[in-house]
């Protein structure tokens, strides 16, 4: 199962990520704006110097060139220091800098302006040394650390807001989850919508309430059907069994031609009784609750084996029982007998002649018959309802019923066809670790 964070954690994470992205975005914008503002100030200053010099040059060609601690001007390249001269070699009019996008190569951090002097072929070169005026790297690092700390603070505030909001938002949903998780077929919450506000969760509660009401009606119909079927179906089967026992005691039973048909009737009645008991067990929710009484697998298996070996004694089938262990399981005897009887009945029905062997192992029960596996499709698909073999006399429900019982009691059903022929069905009782309230835990983890 793919893991997802709970809704509450998603809300908190969303607020944290939103706050962090927002603060980092502002940090980058502030850092970029600071660098852009510096460049604009330096460029503005050097333009002012150029315009000031050129305005005076028009009236007095002997006006001194700009020359200060940071700004130095030159007419032509003859007097420019070699390092700076190489930097402007071959450049046309314009504004240049040695740092940033489209920077030119040169020593230090300079803004350079190149202008042609009006009425002359000479070029004015103005070098603005901005390296000492910019914020040094130490201060830049301090500012960036401060902005990063502010970003983390904003993310922490976002997490706190997410925690508070998630509690308020998720509280009704957790309450709804709690009520649904605690519901049982005999105790369904049918009035949950009145406890919630008229919002999305209230709409969900109303929808669940309507669904639970339909489920309650269905459960009541199922209970009525199970109660009536238990009486109306078992009574005719009991009557038929009694009639067969009386027939066996009548003088007419000495006629051996009646033995075959009566044996088939007895097998059919036995199968009908098992099918009825199975369906009634599967229809009852409380029938599968854990019991304090352990089932003796060996004794129950032997009893079931003797019943079916007796029913199929007219066939040329060699039936054997082996006990290699004495396992005990936490399940009703009747449920285990239903599972084993379905496996044995399948084995006998699919073995017109040959061997059938029931083996009780330390942690499993194995049913082997010497007939080759004739089920259609993949071996794993034979437990689907109504999947029948070519020579099957039933409705294809035996293995499907056993599979359902295995799912309810954490048993394991495996079907194999050995290389030397035959079919081997294994019912093992080595269950995986049982989790407490798995449905409730799964619902709460999603919130």
Protein backbone atom coordinates (compact mmCIF):
# COMPACT_ATOMS: atom_id res chain seq x y z
CA UNK A 1 0.00 0.00 0.00
CA UNK A 2 1.29 3.37 -0.97
CA UNK A 3 1.92 5.63 2.02
CA UNK A 4 0.49 9.16 2.14
CA UNK A 5 0.89 11.85 4.76
CA UNK A 6 -2.18 12.59 6.84
CA UNK A 7 -4.32 15.60 6.00
CA UNK A 8 -3.13 17.41 9.12
CA UNK A 9 0.53 16.89 8.23
CA UNK A 10 -0.17 18.04 4.67
CA UNK A 11 -1.68 21.28 5.95
CA UNK A 12 1.33 21.93 8.22
CA UNK A 13 3.78 21.10 5.45
CA UNK A 14 1.89 23.34 3.02
CA UNK A 15 2.11 26.31 5.41
CA UNK A 16 5.82 25.64 6.05
CA UNK A 17 6.61 25.37 2.34
CA UNK A 18 4.52 28.47 1.53
CA UNK A 19 6.24 30.54 4.23
CA UNK A 20 9.68 29.31 3.22
CA UNK A 21 9.12 29.92 -0.50
CA UNK A 22 7.67 33.36 0.21
CA UNK A 23 10.54 34.41 2.49
CA UNK A 24 13.25 33.03 0.16
CA UNK A 25 11.61 34.84 -2.75
CA UNK A 26 11.67 38.12 -0.81
CA UNK A 27 15.27 37.45 0.22
CA UNK A 28 16.34 37.01 -3.39
CA UNK A 29 14.37 40.07 -4.46
CA UNK A 30 15.94 42.19 -1.73
CA UNK A 31 19.43 40.98 -2.61
CA UNK A 32 18.83 41.66 -6.30
CA UNK A 33 17.30 45.07 -5.64
CA UNK A 34 20.29 46.05 -3.49
CA UNK A 35 22.72 45.14 -6.28
CA UNK A 36 20.55 46.89 -8.89
CA UNK A 37 20.26 50.03 -6.73
CA UNK A 38 24.03 50.15 -6.30
CA UNK A 39 24.59 49.90 -10.06
CA UNK A 40 21.99 52.59 -10.76
CA UNK A 41 23.60 54.98 -8.25
CA UNK A 42 27.08 54.43 -9.66
CA UNK A 43 25.87 54.81 -13.24
CA UNK A 44 23.96 57.98 -12.35
CA UNK A 45 27.04 59.45 -10.67
CA UNK A 46 29.34 58.78 -13.61
CA UNK A 47 26.80 60.25 -16.07
CA UNK A 48 26.60 63.42 -13.97
CA UNK A 49 30.40 63.73 -14.02
CA UNK A 50 30.48 63.33 -17.81
CA UNK A 51 27.74 65.88 -18.42
CA UNK A 52 29.35 68.33 -15.99
CA UNK A 53 32.75 68.03 -17.68
CA UNK A 54 31.38 68.30 -21.22
CA UNK A 55 29.28 71.36 -20.36
CA UNK A 56 32.42 73.14 -19.11
CA UNK A 57 34.53 71.81 -22.00
CA UNK A 58 32.32 73.59 -24.53
CA UNK A 59 33.18 76.97 -22.98
CA UNK A 60 36.74 76.17 -21.93
CA UNK A 61 38.63 73.35 -23.69
CA UNK A 62 41.26 73.53 -20.96
CA UNK A 63 38.82 72.46 -18.27
CA UNK A 64 40.54 69.95 -15.96
CA UNK A 65 39.46 66.34 -16.31
CA UNK A 66 37.52 64.76 -13.42
CA UNK A 67 40.03 63.41 -10.98
CA UNK A 68 39.32 62.28 -7.41
CA UNK A 69 39.87 59.35 -5.12
CA UNK A 70 37.26 57.22 -6.94
CA UNK A 71 36.73 58.85 -10.36
CA UNK A 72 39.53 59.44 -12.86
CA UNK A 73 39.15 60.82 -16.39
CA UNK A 74 41.40 60.62 -19.45
CA UNK A 75 41.35 62.07 -22.96
CA UNK A 76 42.63 59.40 -25.22
CA UNK A 77 44.42 56.25 -24.11
CA UNK A 78 47.99 57.50 -23.94
CA UNK A 79 47.96 58.44 -20.25
CA UNK A 80 45.72 55.61 -19.08
CA UNK A 81 47.60 53.14 -16.83
CA UNK A 82 48.46 49.92 -18.69
CA UNK A 83 46.03 47.74 -16.75
CA UNK A 84 43.10 50.06 -17.37
CA UNK A 85 44.21 50.75 -20.97
CA UNK A 86 44.05 47.06 -21.80
CA UNK A 87 40.55 46.93 -20.25
CA UNK A 88 39.12 49.56 -22.65
CA UNK A 89 41.14 48.56 -25.71
CA UNK A 90 38.84 48.37 -28.72
CA UNK A 91 35.68 49.49 -26.90
CA UNK A 92 33.25 51.92 -28.48
CA UNK A 93 31.09 54.59 -26.81
CA UNK A 94 28.96 53.35 -23.97
CA UNK A 95 28.75 52.32 -20.32
CA UNK A 96 30.66 49.28 -19.10
CA UNK A 97 31.42 47.52 -15.84
CA UNK A 98 33.71 44.75 -14.71
CA UNK A 99 31.07 42.99 -12.56
CA UNK A 100 27.64 41.71 -13.50
CA UNK A 101 25.95 40.63 -16.75
CA UNK A 102 27.94 41.53 -19.88
CA UNK A 103 30.98 42.53 -17.81
CA UNK A 104 34.31 43.34 -19.42
CA UNK A 105 37.59 41.93 -18.20
CA UNK A 106 39.66 44.18 -16.02
CA UNK A 107 41.36 44.60 -12.65
CA UNK A 108 39.21 45.50 -9.68
CA UNK A 109 35.58 46.58 -9.73
CA UNK A 110 35.06 49.50 -12.14
CA UNK A 111 32.27 51.31 -13.92
CA UNK A 112 33.61 52.75 -17.19
CA UNK A 113 32.07 55.45 -19.38
CA UNK A 114 33.38 56.18 -22.91
CA UNK A 115 32.15 59.32 -24.72
CA UNK A 116 33.39 61.17 -27.76
CA UNK A 117 34.17 64.82 -27.04
CA UNK A 118 31.85 67.04 -29.17
CA UNK A 119 33.69 68.74 -32.04
CA UNK A 120 36.73 66.53 -31.61
CA UNK A 121 37.97 63.07 -32.48
CA UNK A 122 39.17 62.47 -28.93
CA UNK A 123 37.46 59.98 -26.65
CA UNK A 124 36.76 60.70 -23.00
CA UNK A 125 37.40 57.76 -20.69
CA UNK A 126 35.97 57.92 -17.17
CA UNK A 127 36.91 55.19 -14.64
CA UNK A 128 34.81 54.93 -11.49
CA UNK A 129 36.41 52.66 -8.84
CA UNK A 130 33.32 51.35 -7.04
CA UNK A 131 34.99 48.39 -5.32
CA UNK A 132 35.69 50.34 -2.16
CA UNK A 133 32.20 51.88 -2.14
CA UNK A 134 30.20 48.67 -2.43
CA UNK A 135 29.10 46.75 0.62
CA UNK A 136 31.97 44.42 1.36
CA UNK A 137 31.58 40.66 1.41
CA UNK A 138 31.48 40.48 5.21
CA UNK A 139 28.48 42.79 5.39
CA UNK A 140 26.85 41.00 2.48
CA UNK A 141 27.23 37.69 4.32
CA UNK A 142 25.75 39.21 7.48
CA UNK A 143 22.78 40.54 5.55
CA UNK A 144 22.22 37.20 3.80
CA UNK A 145 22.44 35.27 7.07
CA UNK A 146 19.95 37.69 8.59
CA UNK A 147 17.58 37.26 5.64
CA UNK A 148 17.97 33.46 5.86
CA UNK A 149 17.17 33.59 9.58
CA UNK A 150 14.09 35.67 8.82
CA UNK A 151 13.09 33.09 6.19
CA UNK A 152 13.36 30.28 8.72
CA UNK A 153 11.42 32.35 11.24
CA UNK A 154 8.64 32.91 8.70
CA UNK A 155 8.61 29.16 7.94
CA UNK A 156 8.37 28.44 11.69
CA UNK A 157 5.50 30.90 12.04
CA UNK A 158 3.82 29.21 9.08
CA UNK A 159 4.25 25.83 10.77
CA UNK A 160 2.69 27.18 13.96
CA UNK A 161 -0.24 28.62 12.03
CA UNK A 162 -0.57 25.32 10.18
CA UNK A 163 -0.69 23.39 13.46
CA UNK A 164 -3.38 25.65 14.91
CA UNK A 165 -5.48 25.66 11.75
CA UNK A 166 -5.08 21.93 11.18
CA UNK A 167 -6.40 21.22 14.67
CA UNK A 168 -9.47 23.35 14.09
CA UNK A 169 -10.03 22.06 10.57
CA UNK A 170 -9.37 18.38 11.26
CA UNK A 171 -11.21 18.17 14.60
CA UNK A 172 -14.69 17.58 13.04
CA UNK A 173 -13.22 15.13 10.54
CA UNK A 174 -11.44 13.19 13.30
CA UNK A 175 -14.69 13.04 15.27
CA UNK A 176 -16.51 11.75 12.20
CA UNK A 177 -13.75 9.17 11.65
CA UNK A 178 -13.95 8.06 15.26
CA UNK A 179 -17.69 7.46 15.05
CA UNK A 180 -17.42 5.57 11.77
CA UNK A 181 -14.45 3.48 13.01
CA UNK A 182 -16.34 2.45 16.15
CA UNK A 183 -19.42 1.38 14.21
CA UNK A 184 -20.40 -2.26 14.11
CA UNK A 185 -23.16 -4.04 12.17
CA UNK A 186 -25.20 -4.27 15.37
CA UNK A 187 -24.46 -0.68 16.44
CA UNK A 188 -24.36 1.65 13.43
CA UNK A 189 -24.33 5.43 14.11
CA UNK A 190 -27.52 6.58 12.38
CA UNK A 191 -27.70 10.17 13.72
CA UNK A 192 -24.25 11.63 13.07
CA UNK A 193 -25.16 14.50 10.72
CA UNK A 194 -26.79 16.57 13.48
CA UNK A 195 -23.46 16.89 15.33
CA UNK A 196 -21.68 18.76 12.52
CA UNK A 197 -22.03 22.18 10.92
CA UNK A 198 -23.62 22.74 7.53
CA UNK A 199 -20.35 22.58 5.59
CA UNK A 200 -18.39 20.03 3.57
CA UNK A 201 -17.86 17.75 6.58
CA UNK A 202 -21.53 18.08 7.49
CA UNK A 203 -22.44 17.07 3.93
CA UNK A 204 -20.08 14.09 4.20
CA UNK A 205 -21.65 13.13 7.54
CA UNK A 206 -25.12 13.36 6.00
CA UNK A 207 -24.07 11.17 3.09
CA UNK A 208 -22.50 8.62 5.45
CA UNK A 209 -25.62 8.64 7.60
CA UNK A 210 -27.80 7.82 4.60
CA UNK A 211 -25.39 5.05 3.57
CA UNK A 212 -25.37 3.62 7.11
CA UNK A 213 -29.16 3.66 7.17
CA UNK A 214 -29.21 1.63 3.96
CA UNK A 215 -26.60 -0.71 5.44
CA UNK A 216 -28.73 -1.07 8.57
CA UNK A 217 -31.73 -2.04 6.46
CA UNK A 218 -29.58 -4.50 4.55
CA UNK A 219 -28.22 -6.03 7.77
CA UNK A 220 -31.72 -6.44 9.15
CA UNK A 221 -32.83 -8.17 5.95
CA UNK A 222 -29.75 -10.41 6.09
CA UNK A 223 -30.48 -11.31 9.71
CA UNK A 224 -34.08 -12.13 8.85
CA UNK A 225 -32.97 -14.23 5.87
CA UNK A 226 -30.33 -16.07 7.92
CA UNK A 227 -32.82 -16.77 10.69
CA UNK A 228 -35.49 -18.03 8.31
CA UNK A 229 -33.03 -19.97 6.13
CA UNK A 230 -31.54 -21.65 9.17
CA UNK A 231 -34.94 -23.15 9.93
CA UNK A 232 -36.48 -23.56 6.50
CA UNK A 233 -33.40 -25.17 4.89
CA UNK A 234 -32.14 -27.32 7.72
CA UNK A 235 -35.53 -28.86 8.46
CA UNK A 236 -35.95 -30.58 5.03
CA UNK A 237 -32.34 -31.81 5.15
CA UNK A 238 -32.95 -33.31 8.58
CA UNK A 239 -36.13 -34.97 7.33
CA UNK A 240 -34.30 -36.47 4.34
CA UNK A 241 -31.53 -37.80 6.61
CA UNK A 242 -34.10 -39.40 8.87
CA UNK A 243 -35.92 -40.92 5.91
CA UNK A 244 -32.68 -42.40 4.56
CA UNK A 245 -31.91 -43.97 7.93
CA UNK A 246 -35.41 -45.52 7.98
CA UNK A 247 -35.01 -46.84 4.44
CA UNK A 248 -31.74 -48.53 5.43
CA UNK A 249 -33.63 -50.40 8.15
CA UNK A 250 -36.47 -51.58 5.86
CA UNK A 251 -36.43 -55.08 4.31
CA UNK A 252 -36.46 -53.53 0.87
CA UNK A 253 -32.91 -52.26 1.52
CA UNK A 254 -31.63 -55.80 0.98
CA UNK A 255 -32.07 -55.12 -2.72
CA UNK A 256 -28.51 -54.12 -3.70
CA UNK A 257 -29.77 -52.19 -6.72
CA UNK A 258 -31.01 -49.51 -4.29
CA UNK A 259 -27.62 -49.06 -2.61
CA UNK A 260 -26.09 -46.96 -5.39
CA UNK A 261 -28.92 -44.42 -5.73
CA UNK A 262 -29.29 -44.16 -1.94
CA UNK A 263 -25.54 -43.58 -1.55
CA UNK A 264 -25.73 -40.76 -4.09
CA UNK A 265 -28.67 -39.28 -2.19
CA UNK A 266 -26.73 -39.51 1.07
CA UNK A 267 -23.72 -37.77 -0.49
CA UNK A 268 -25.92 -35.04 -1.93
CA UNK A 269 -27.68 -34.53 1.42
CA UNK A 270 -24.35 -34.42 3.19
CA UNK A 271 -23.03 -31.86 0.70
CA UNK A 272 -26.24 -29.85 0.99
CA UNK A 273 -25.93 -29.77 4.79
CA UNK A 274 -22.30 -28.63 4.58
CA UNK A 275 -23.21 -25.94 2.03
CA UNK A 276 -26.06 -24.63 4.18
CA UNK A 277 -23.89 -24.54 7.31
CA UNK A 278 -21.13 -22.81 5.39
CA UNK A 279 -23.33 -20.08 3.98
CA UNK A 280 -24.95 -19.51 7.35
CA UNK A 281 -21.55 -19.21 9.02
CA UNK A 282 -20.36 -16.77 6.37
CA UNK A 283 -23.52 -14.70 6.73
CA UNK A 284 -23.10 -14.23 10.49
CA UNK A 285 -20.73 -11.45 11.57
CA UNK A 286 -20.41 -12.62 15.16
CA UNK A 287 -19.62 -16.18 14.10
CA UNK A 288 -16.03 -15.24 13.29
CA UNK A 289 -15.08 -13.47 16.47
CA UNK A 290 -12.13 -15.04 18.26
CA UNK A 291 -12.96 -17.75 20.73
CA UNK A 292 -11.12 -18.88 23.85
CA UNK A 293 -11.59 -22.53 22.88
CA UNK A 294 -8.86 -23.94 20.63
CA UNK A 295 -9.84 -26.31 17.85
CA UNK A 296 -8.05 -29.68 17.84
CA UNK A 297 -7.12 -29.86 14.17
CA UNK A 298 -6.15 -33.53 14.21
CA UNK A 299 -9.37 -34.72 15.87
CA UNK A 300 -11.61 -32.55 13.69
CA UNK A 301 -9.75 -33.64 10.55
CA UNK A 302 -10.04 -37.33 11.43
CA UNK A 303 -13.76 -37.03 12.13
CA UNK A 304 -14.41 -35.23 8.85
CA UNK A 305 -12.23 -37.69 6.93
CA UNK A 306 -14.11 -40.72 8.29
CA UNK A 307 -17.45 -39.20 7.31
CA UNK A 308 -16.40 -38.64 3.69
CA UNK A 309 -14.41 -41.84 3.36
CA UNK A 310 -17.59 -43.67 4.38
CA UNK A 311 -19.74 -41.76 1.89
CA UNK A 312 -17.39 -42.52 -1.02
CA UNK A 313 -16.57 -46.10 -0.08
CA UNK A 314 -18.44 -47.36 -3.15
CA UNK A 315 -15.85 -45.76 -5.44
CA UNK A 316 -12.52 -47.42 -6.35
CA UNK A 317 -10.66 -44.86 -4.27
CA UNK A 318 -8.04 -45.64 -1.63
CA UNK A 319 -8.51 -43.14 1.22
CA UNK A 320 -5.84 -42.70 3.90
CA UNK A 321 -5.29 -40.45 6.89
CA UNK A 322 -1.90 -39.49 8.31
CA UNK A 323 -1.14 -37.50 11.43
CA UNK A 324 2.30 -35.90 11.62
CA UNK A 325 1.42 -33.21 14.15
CA UNK A 326 -1.21 -31.98 16.59
CA UNK A 327 -1.83 -28.29 15.85
CA UNK A 328 -4.46 -26.22 17.64
CA UNK A 329 -6.04 -23.10 16.16
CA UNK A 330 -8.17 -20.31 17.56
CA UNK A 331 -11.33 -21.03 15.58
CA UNK A 332 -14.64 -22.85 16.09
CA UNK A 333 -14.60 -26.57 15.30
CA UNK A 334 -17.54 -26.17 12.95
CA UNK A 335 -15.74 -23.58 10.82
CA UNK A 336 -12.62 -25.70 10.47
CA UNK A 337 -14.70 -28.77 9.59
CA UNK A 338 -16.46 -26.75 6.89
CA UNK A 339 -13.11 -25.87 5.31
CA UNK A 340 -11.73 -29.42 5.49
CA UNK A 341 -14.99 -30.97 4.28
CA UNK A 342 -15.00 -28.73 1.19
CA UNK A 343 -11.42 -29.74 0.41
CA UNK A 344 -12.14 -33.44 0.94
CA UNK A 345 -15.33 -33.32 -1.06
CA UNK A 346 -13.47 -31.71 -3.97
CA UNK A 347 -10.75 -34.35 -3.72
CA UNK A 348 -13.24 -37.25 -3.77
CA UNK A 349 -15.38 -35.75 -6.52
CA UNK A 350 -12.33 -35.18 -8.75
CA UNK A 351 -10.94 -38.70 -8.14
CA UNK A 352 -13.04 -41.33 -9.92
CA UNK A 353 -10.33 -43.85 -9.03
CA UNK A 354 -6.98 -43.55 -7.35
CA UNK A 355 -5.79 -42.22 -3.98
CA UNK A 356 -6.97 -39.53 -1.59
CA UNK A 357 -4.82 -38.71 1.42
CA UNK A 358 -5.48 -36.28 4.26
CA UNK A 359 -2.32 -35.38 6.21
CA UNK A 360 -2.25 -33.34 9.41
CA UNK A 361 1.10 -31.54 9.77
CA UNK A 362 2.47 -29.46 12.67
CA UNK A 363 1.11 -26.23 11.19
CA UNK A 364 -1.03 -27.29 8.23
CA UNK A 365 -3.51 -29.73 6.74
CA UNK A 366 -2.74 -31.23 3.34
CA UNK A 367 -5.25 -32.90 1.02
CA UNK A 368 -3.76 -34.90 -1.86
CA UNK A 369 -5.55 -36.73 -4.64
CA UNK A 370 -3.91 -38.66 -7.46
CA UNK A 371 -6.02 -37.13 -10.23
CA UNK A 372 -4.28 -34.52 -12.37
CA UNK A 373 -5.35 -30.93 -11.95
CA UNK A 374 -8.05 -30.16 -14.54
CA UNK A 375 -9.11 -26.65 -13.57
CA UNK A 376 -9.13 -24.06 -16.38
CA UNK A 377 -6.76 -21.11 -16.35
CA UNK A 378 -4.11 -20.24 -13.77
CA UNK A 379 -3.89 -22.18 -10.50
CA UNK A 380 -4.46 -18.97 -8.54
CA UNK A 381 -7.77 -18.34 -10.32
CA UNK A 382 -9.47 -21.54 -9.21
CA UNK A 383 -10.57 -20.00 -5.91
CA UNK A 384 -12.89 -17.60 -7.73
CA UNK A 385 -16.61 -18.41 -7.36
CA UNK A 386 -18.21 -20.76 -9.91
CA UNK A 387 -14.89 -21.92 -11.41
CA UNK A 388 -15.42 -25.63 -12.07
CA UNK A 389 -13.36 -28.49 -13.35
CA UNK A 390 -14.36 -30.47 -16.40
CA UNK A 391 -15.75 -33.39 -14.37
CA UNK A 392 -17.05 -31.40 -11.42
CA UNK A 393 -20.48 -32.28 -10.07
CA UNK A 394 -20.84 -29.12 -7.95
CA UNK A 395 -21.30 -25.43 -8.54
CA UNK A 396 -17.66 -24.35 -8.24
CA UNK A 397 -18.07 -22.86 -4.75
CA UNK A 398 -15.93 -25.22 -2.63
CA UNK A 399 -12.55 -23.52 -3.00
CA UNK A 400 -14.16 -20.07 -3.04
CA UNK A 401 -15.74 -20.81 0.35
CA UNK A 402 -12.45 -22.09 1.75
CA UNK A 403 -10.71 -18.95 0.51
CA UNK A 404 -13.25 -16.74 2.30
CA UNK A 405 -12.77 -18.69 5.52
CA UNK A 406 -8.99 -18.32 5.17
CA UNK A 407 -9.34 -14.57 4.77
CA UNK A 408 -11.45 -14.33 7.93
CA UNK A 409 -9.09 -16.44 10.08
CA UNK A 410 -5.69 -15.53 8.54
CA UNK A 411 -5.15 -19.00 7.16
CA UNK A 412 -3.25 -19.65 3.93
CA UNK A 413 -4.52 -21.74 1.03
CA UNK A 414 -2.09 -23.03 -1.60
CA UNK A 415 -2.80 -25.31 -4.55
CA UNK A 416 -0.04 -27.19 -6.34
CA UNK A 417 0.19 -29.85 -9.01
CA UNK A 418 3.26 -32.06 -8.31
CA UNK A 419 5.47 -33.20 -11.17
CA UNK A 420 4.59 -36.83 -10.55
CA UNK A 421 0.88 -36.08 -11.06
CA UNK A 422 -2.07 -35.41 -8.80
CA UNK A 423 -3.19 -32.32 -6.93
CA UNK A 424 -2.02 -31.08 -3.52
CA UNK A 425 -4.07 -28.53 -1.55
CA UNK A 426 -2.44 -27.08 1.58
CA UNK A 427 -4.29 -25.25 4.38
CA UNK A 428 -1.66 -23.72 6.69
CA UNK A 429 -2.18 -21.97 10.03
CA UNK A 430 0.92 -19.79 10.36
CA UNK A 431 -0.76 -16.37 10.48
CA UNK A 432 1.04 -13.05 10.00
CA UNK A 433 1.20 -10.58 12.96
CA UNK A 434 -2.26 -9.30 13.85
CA UNK A 435 -2.64 -5.51 14.04
CA UNK A 436 -4.95 -3.94 16.55
CA UNK A 437 -7.96 -2.23 14.98
CA UNK A 438 -6.45 -2.06 11.45
CA UNK A 439 -9.47 -0.25 9.97
CA UNK A 440 -9.48 2.44 12.65
CA UNK A 441 -5.70 2.87 12.47
CA UNK A 442 -5.80 3.20 8.68
CA UNK A 443 -8.55 5.84 8.81
CA UNK A 444 -6.79 7.85 11.52
CA UNK A 445 -3.47 7.80 9.62
CA UNK A 446 -5.20 9.43 6.65
CA UNK A 447 -6.28 12.43 8.77
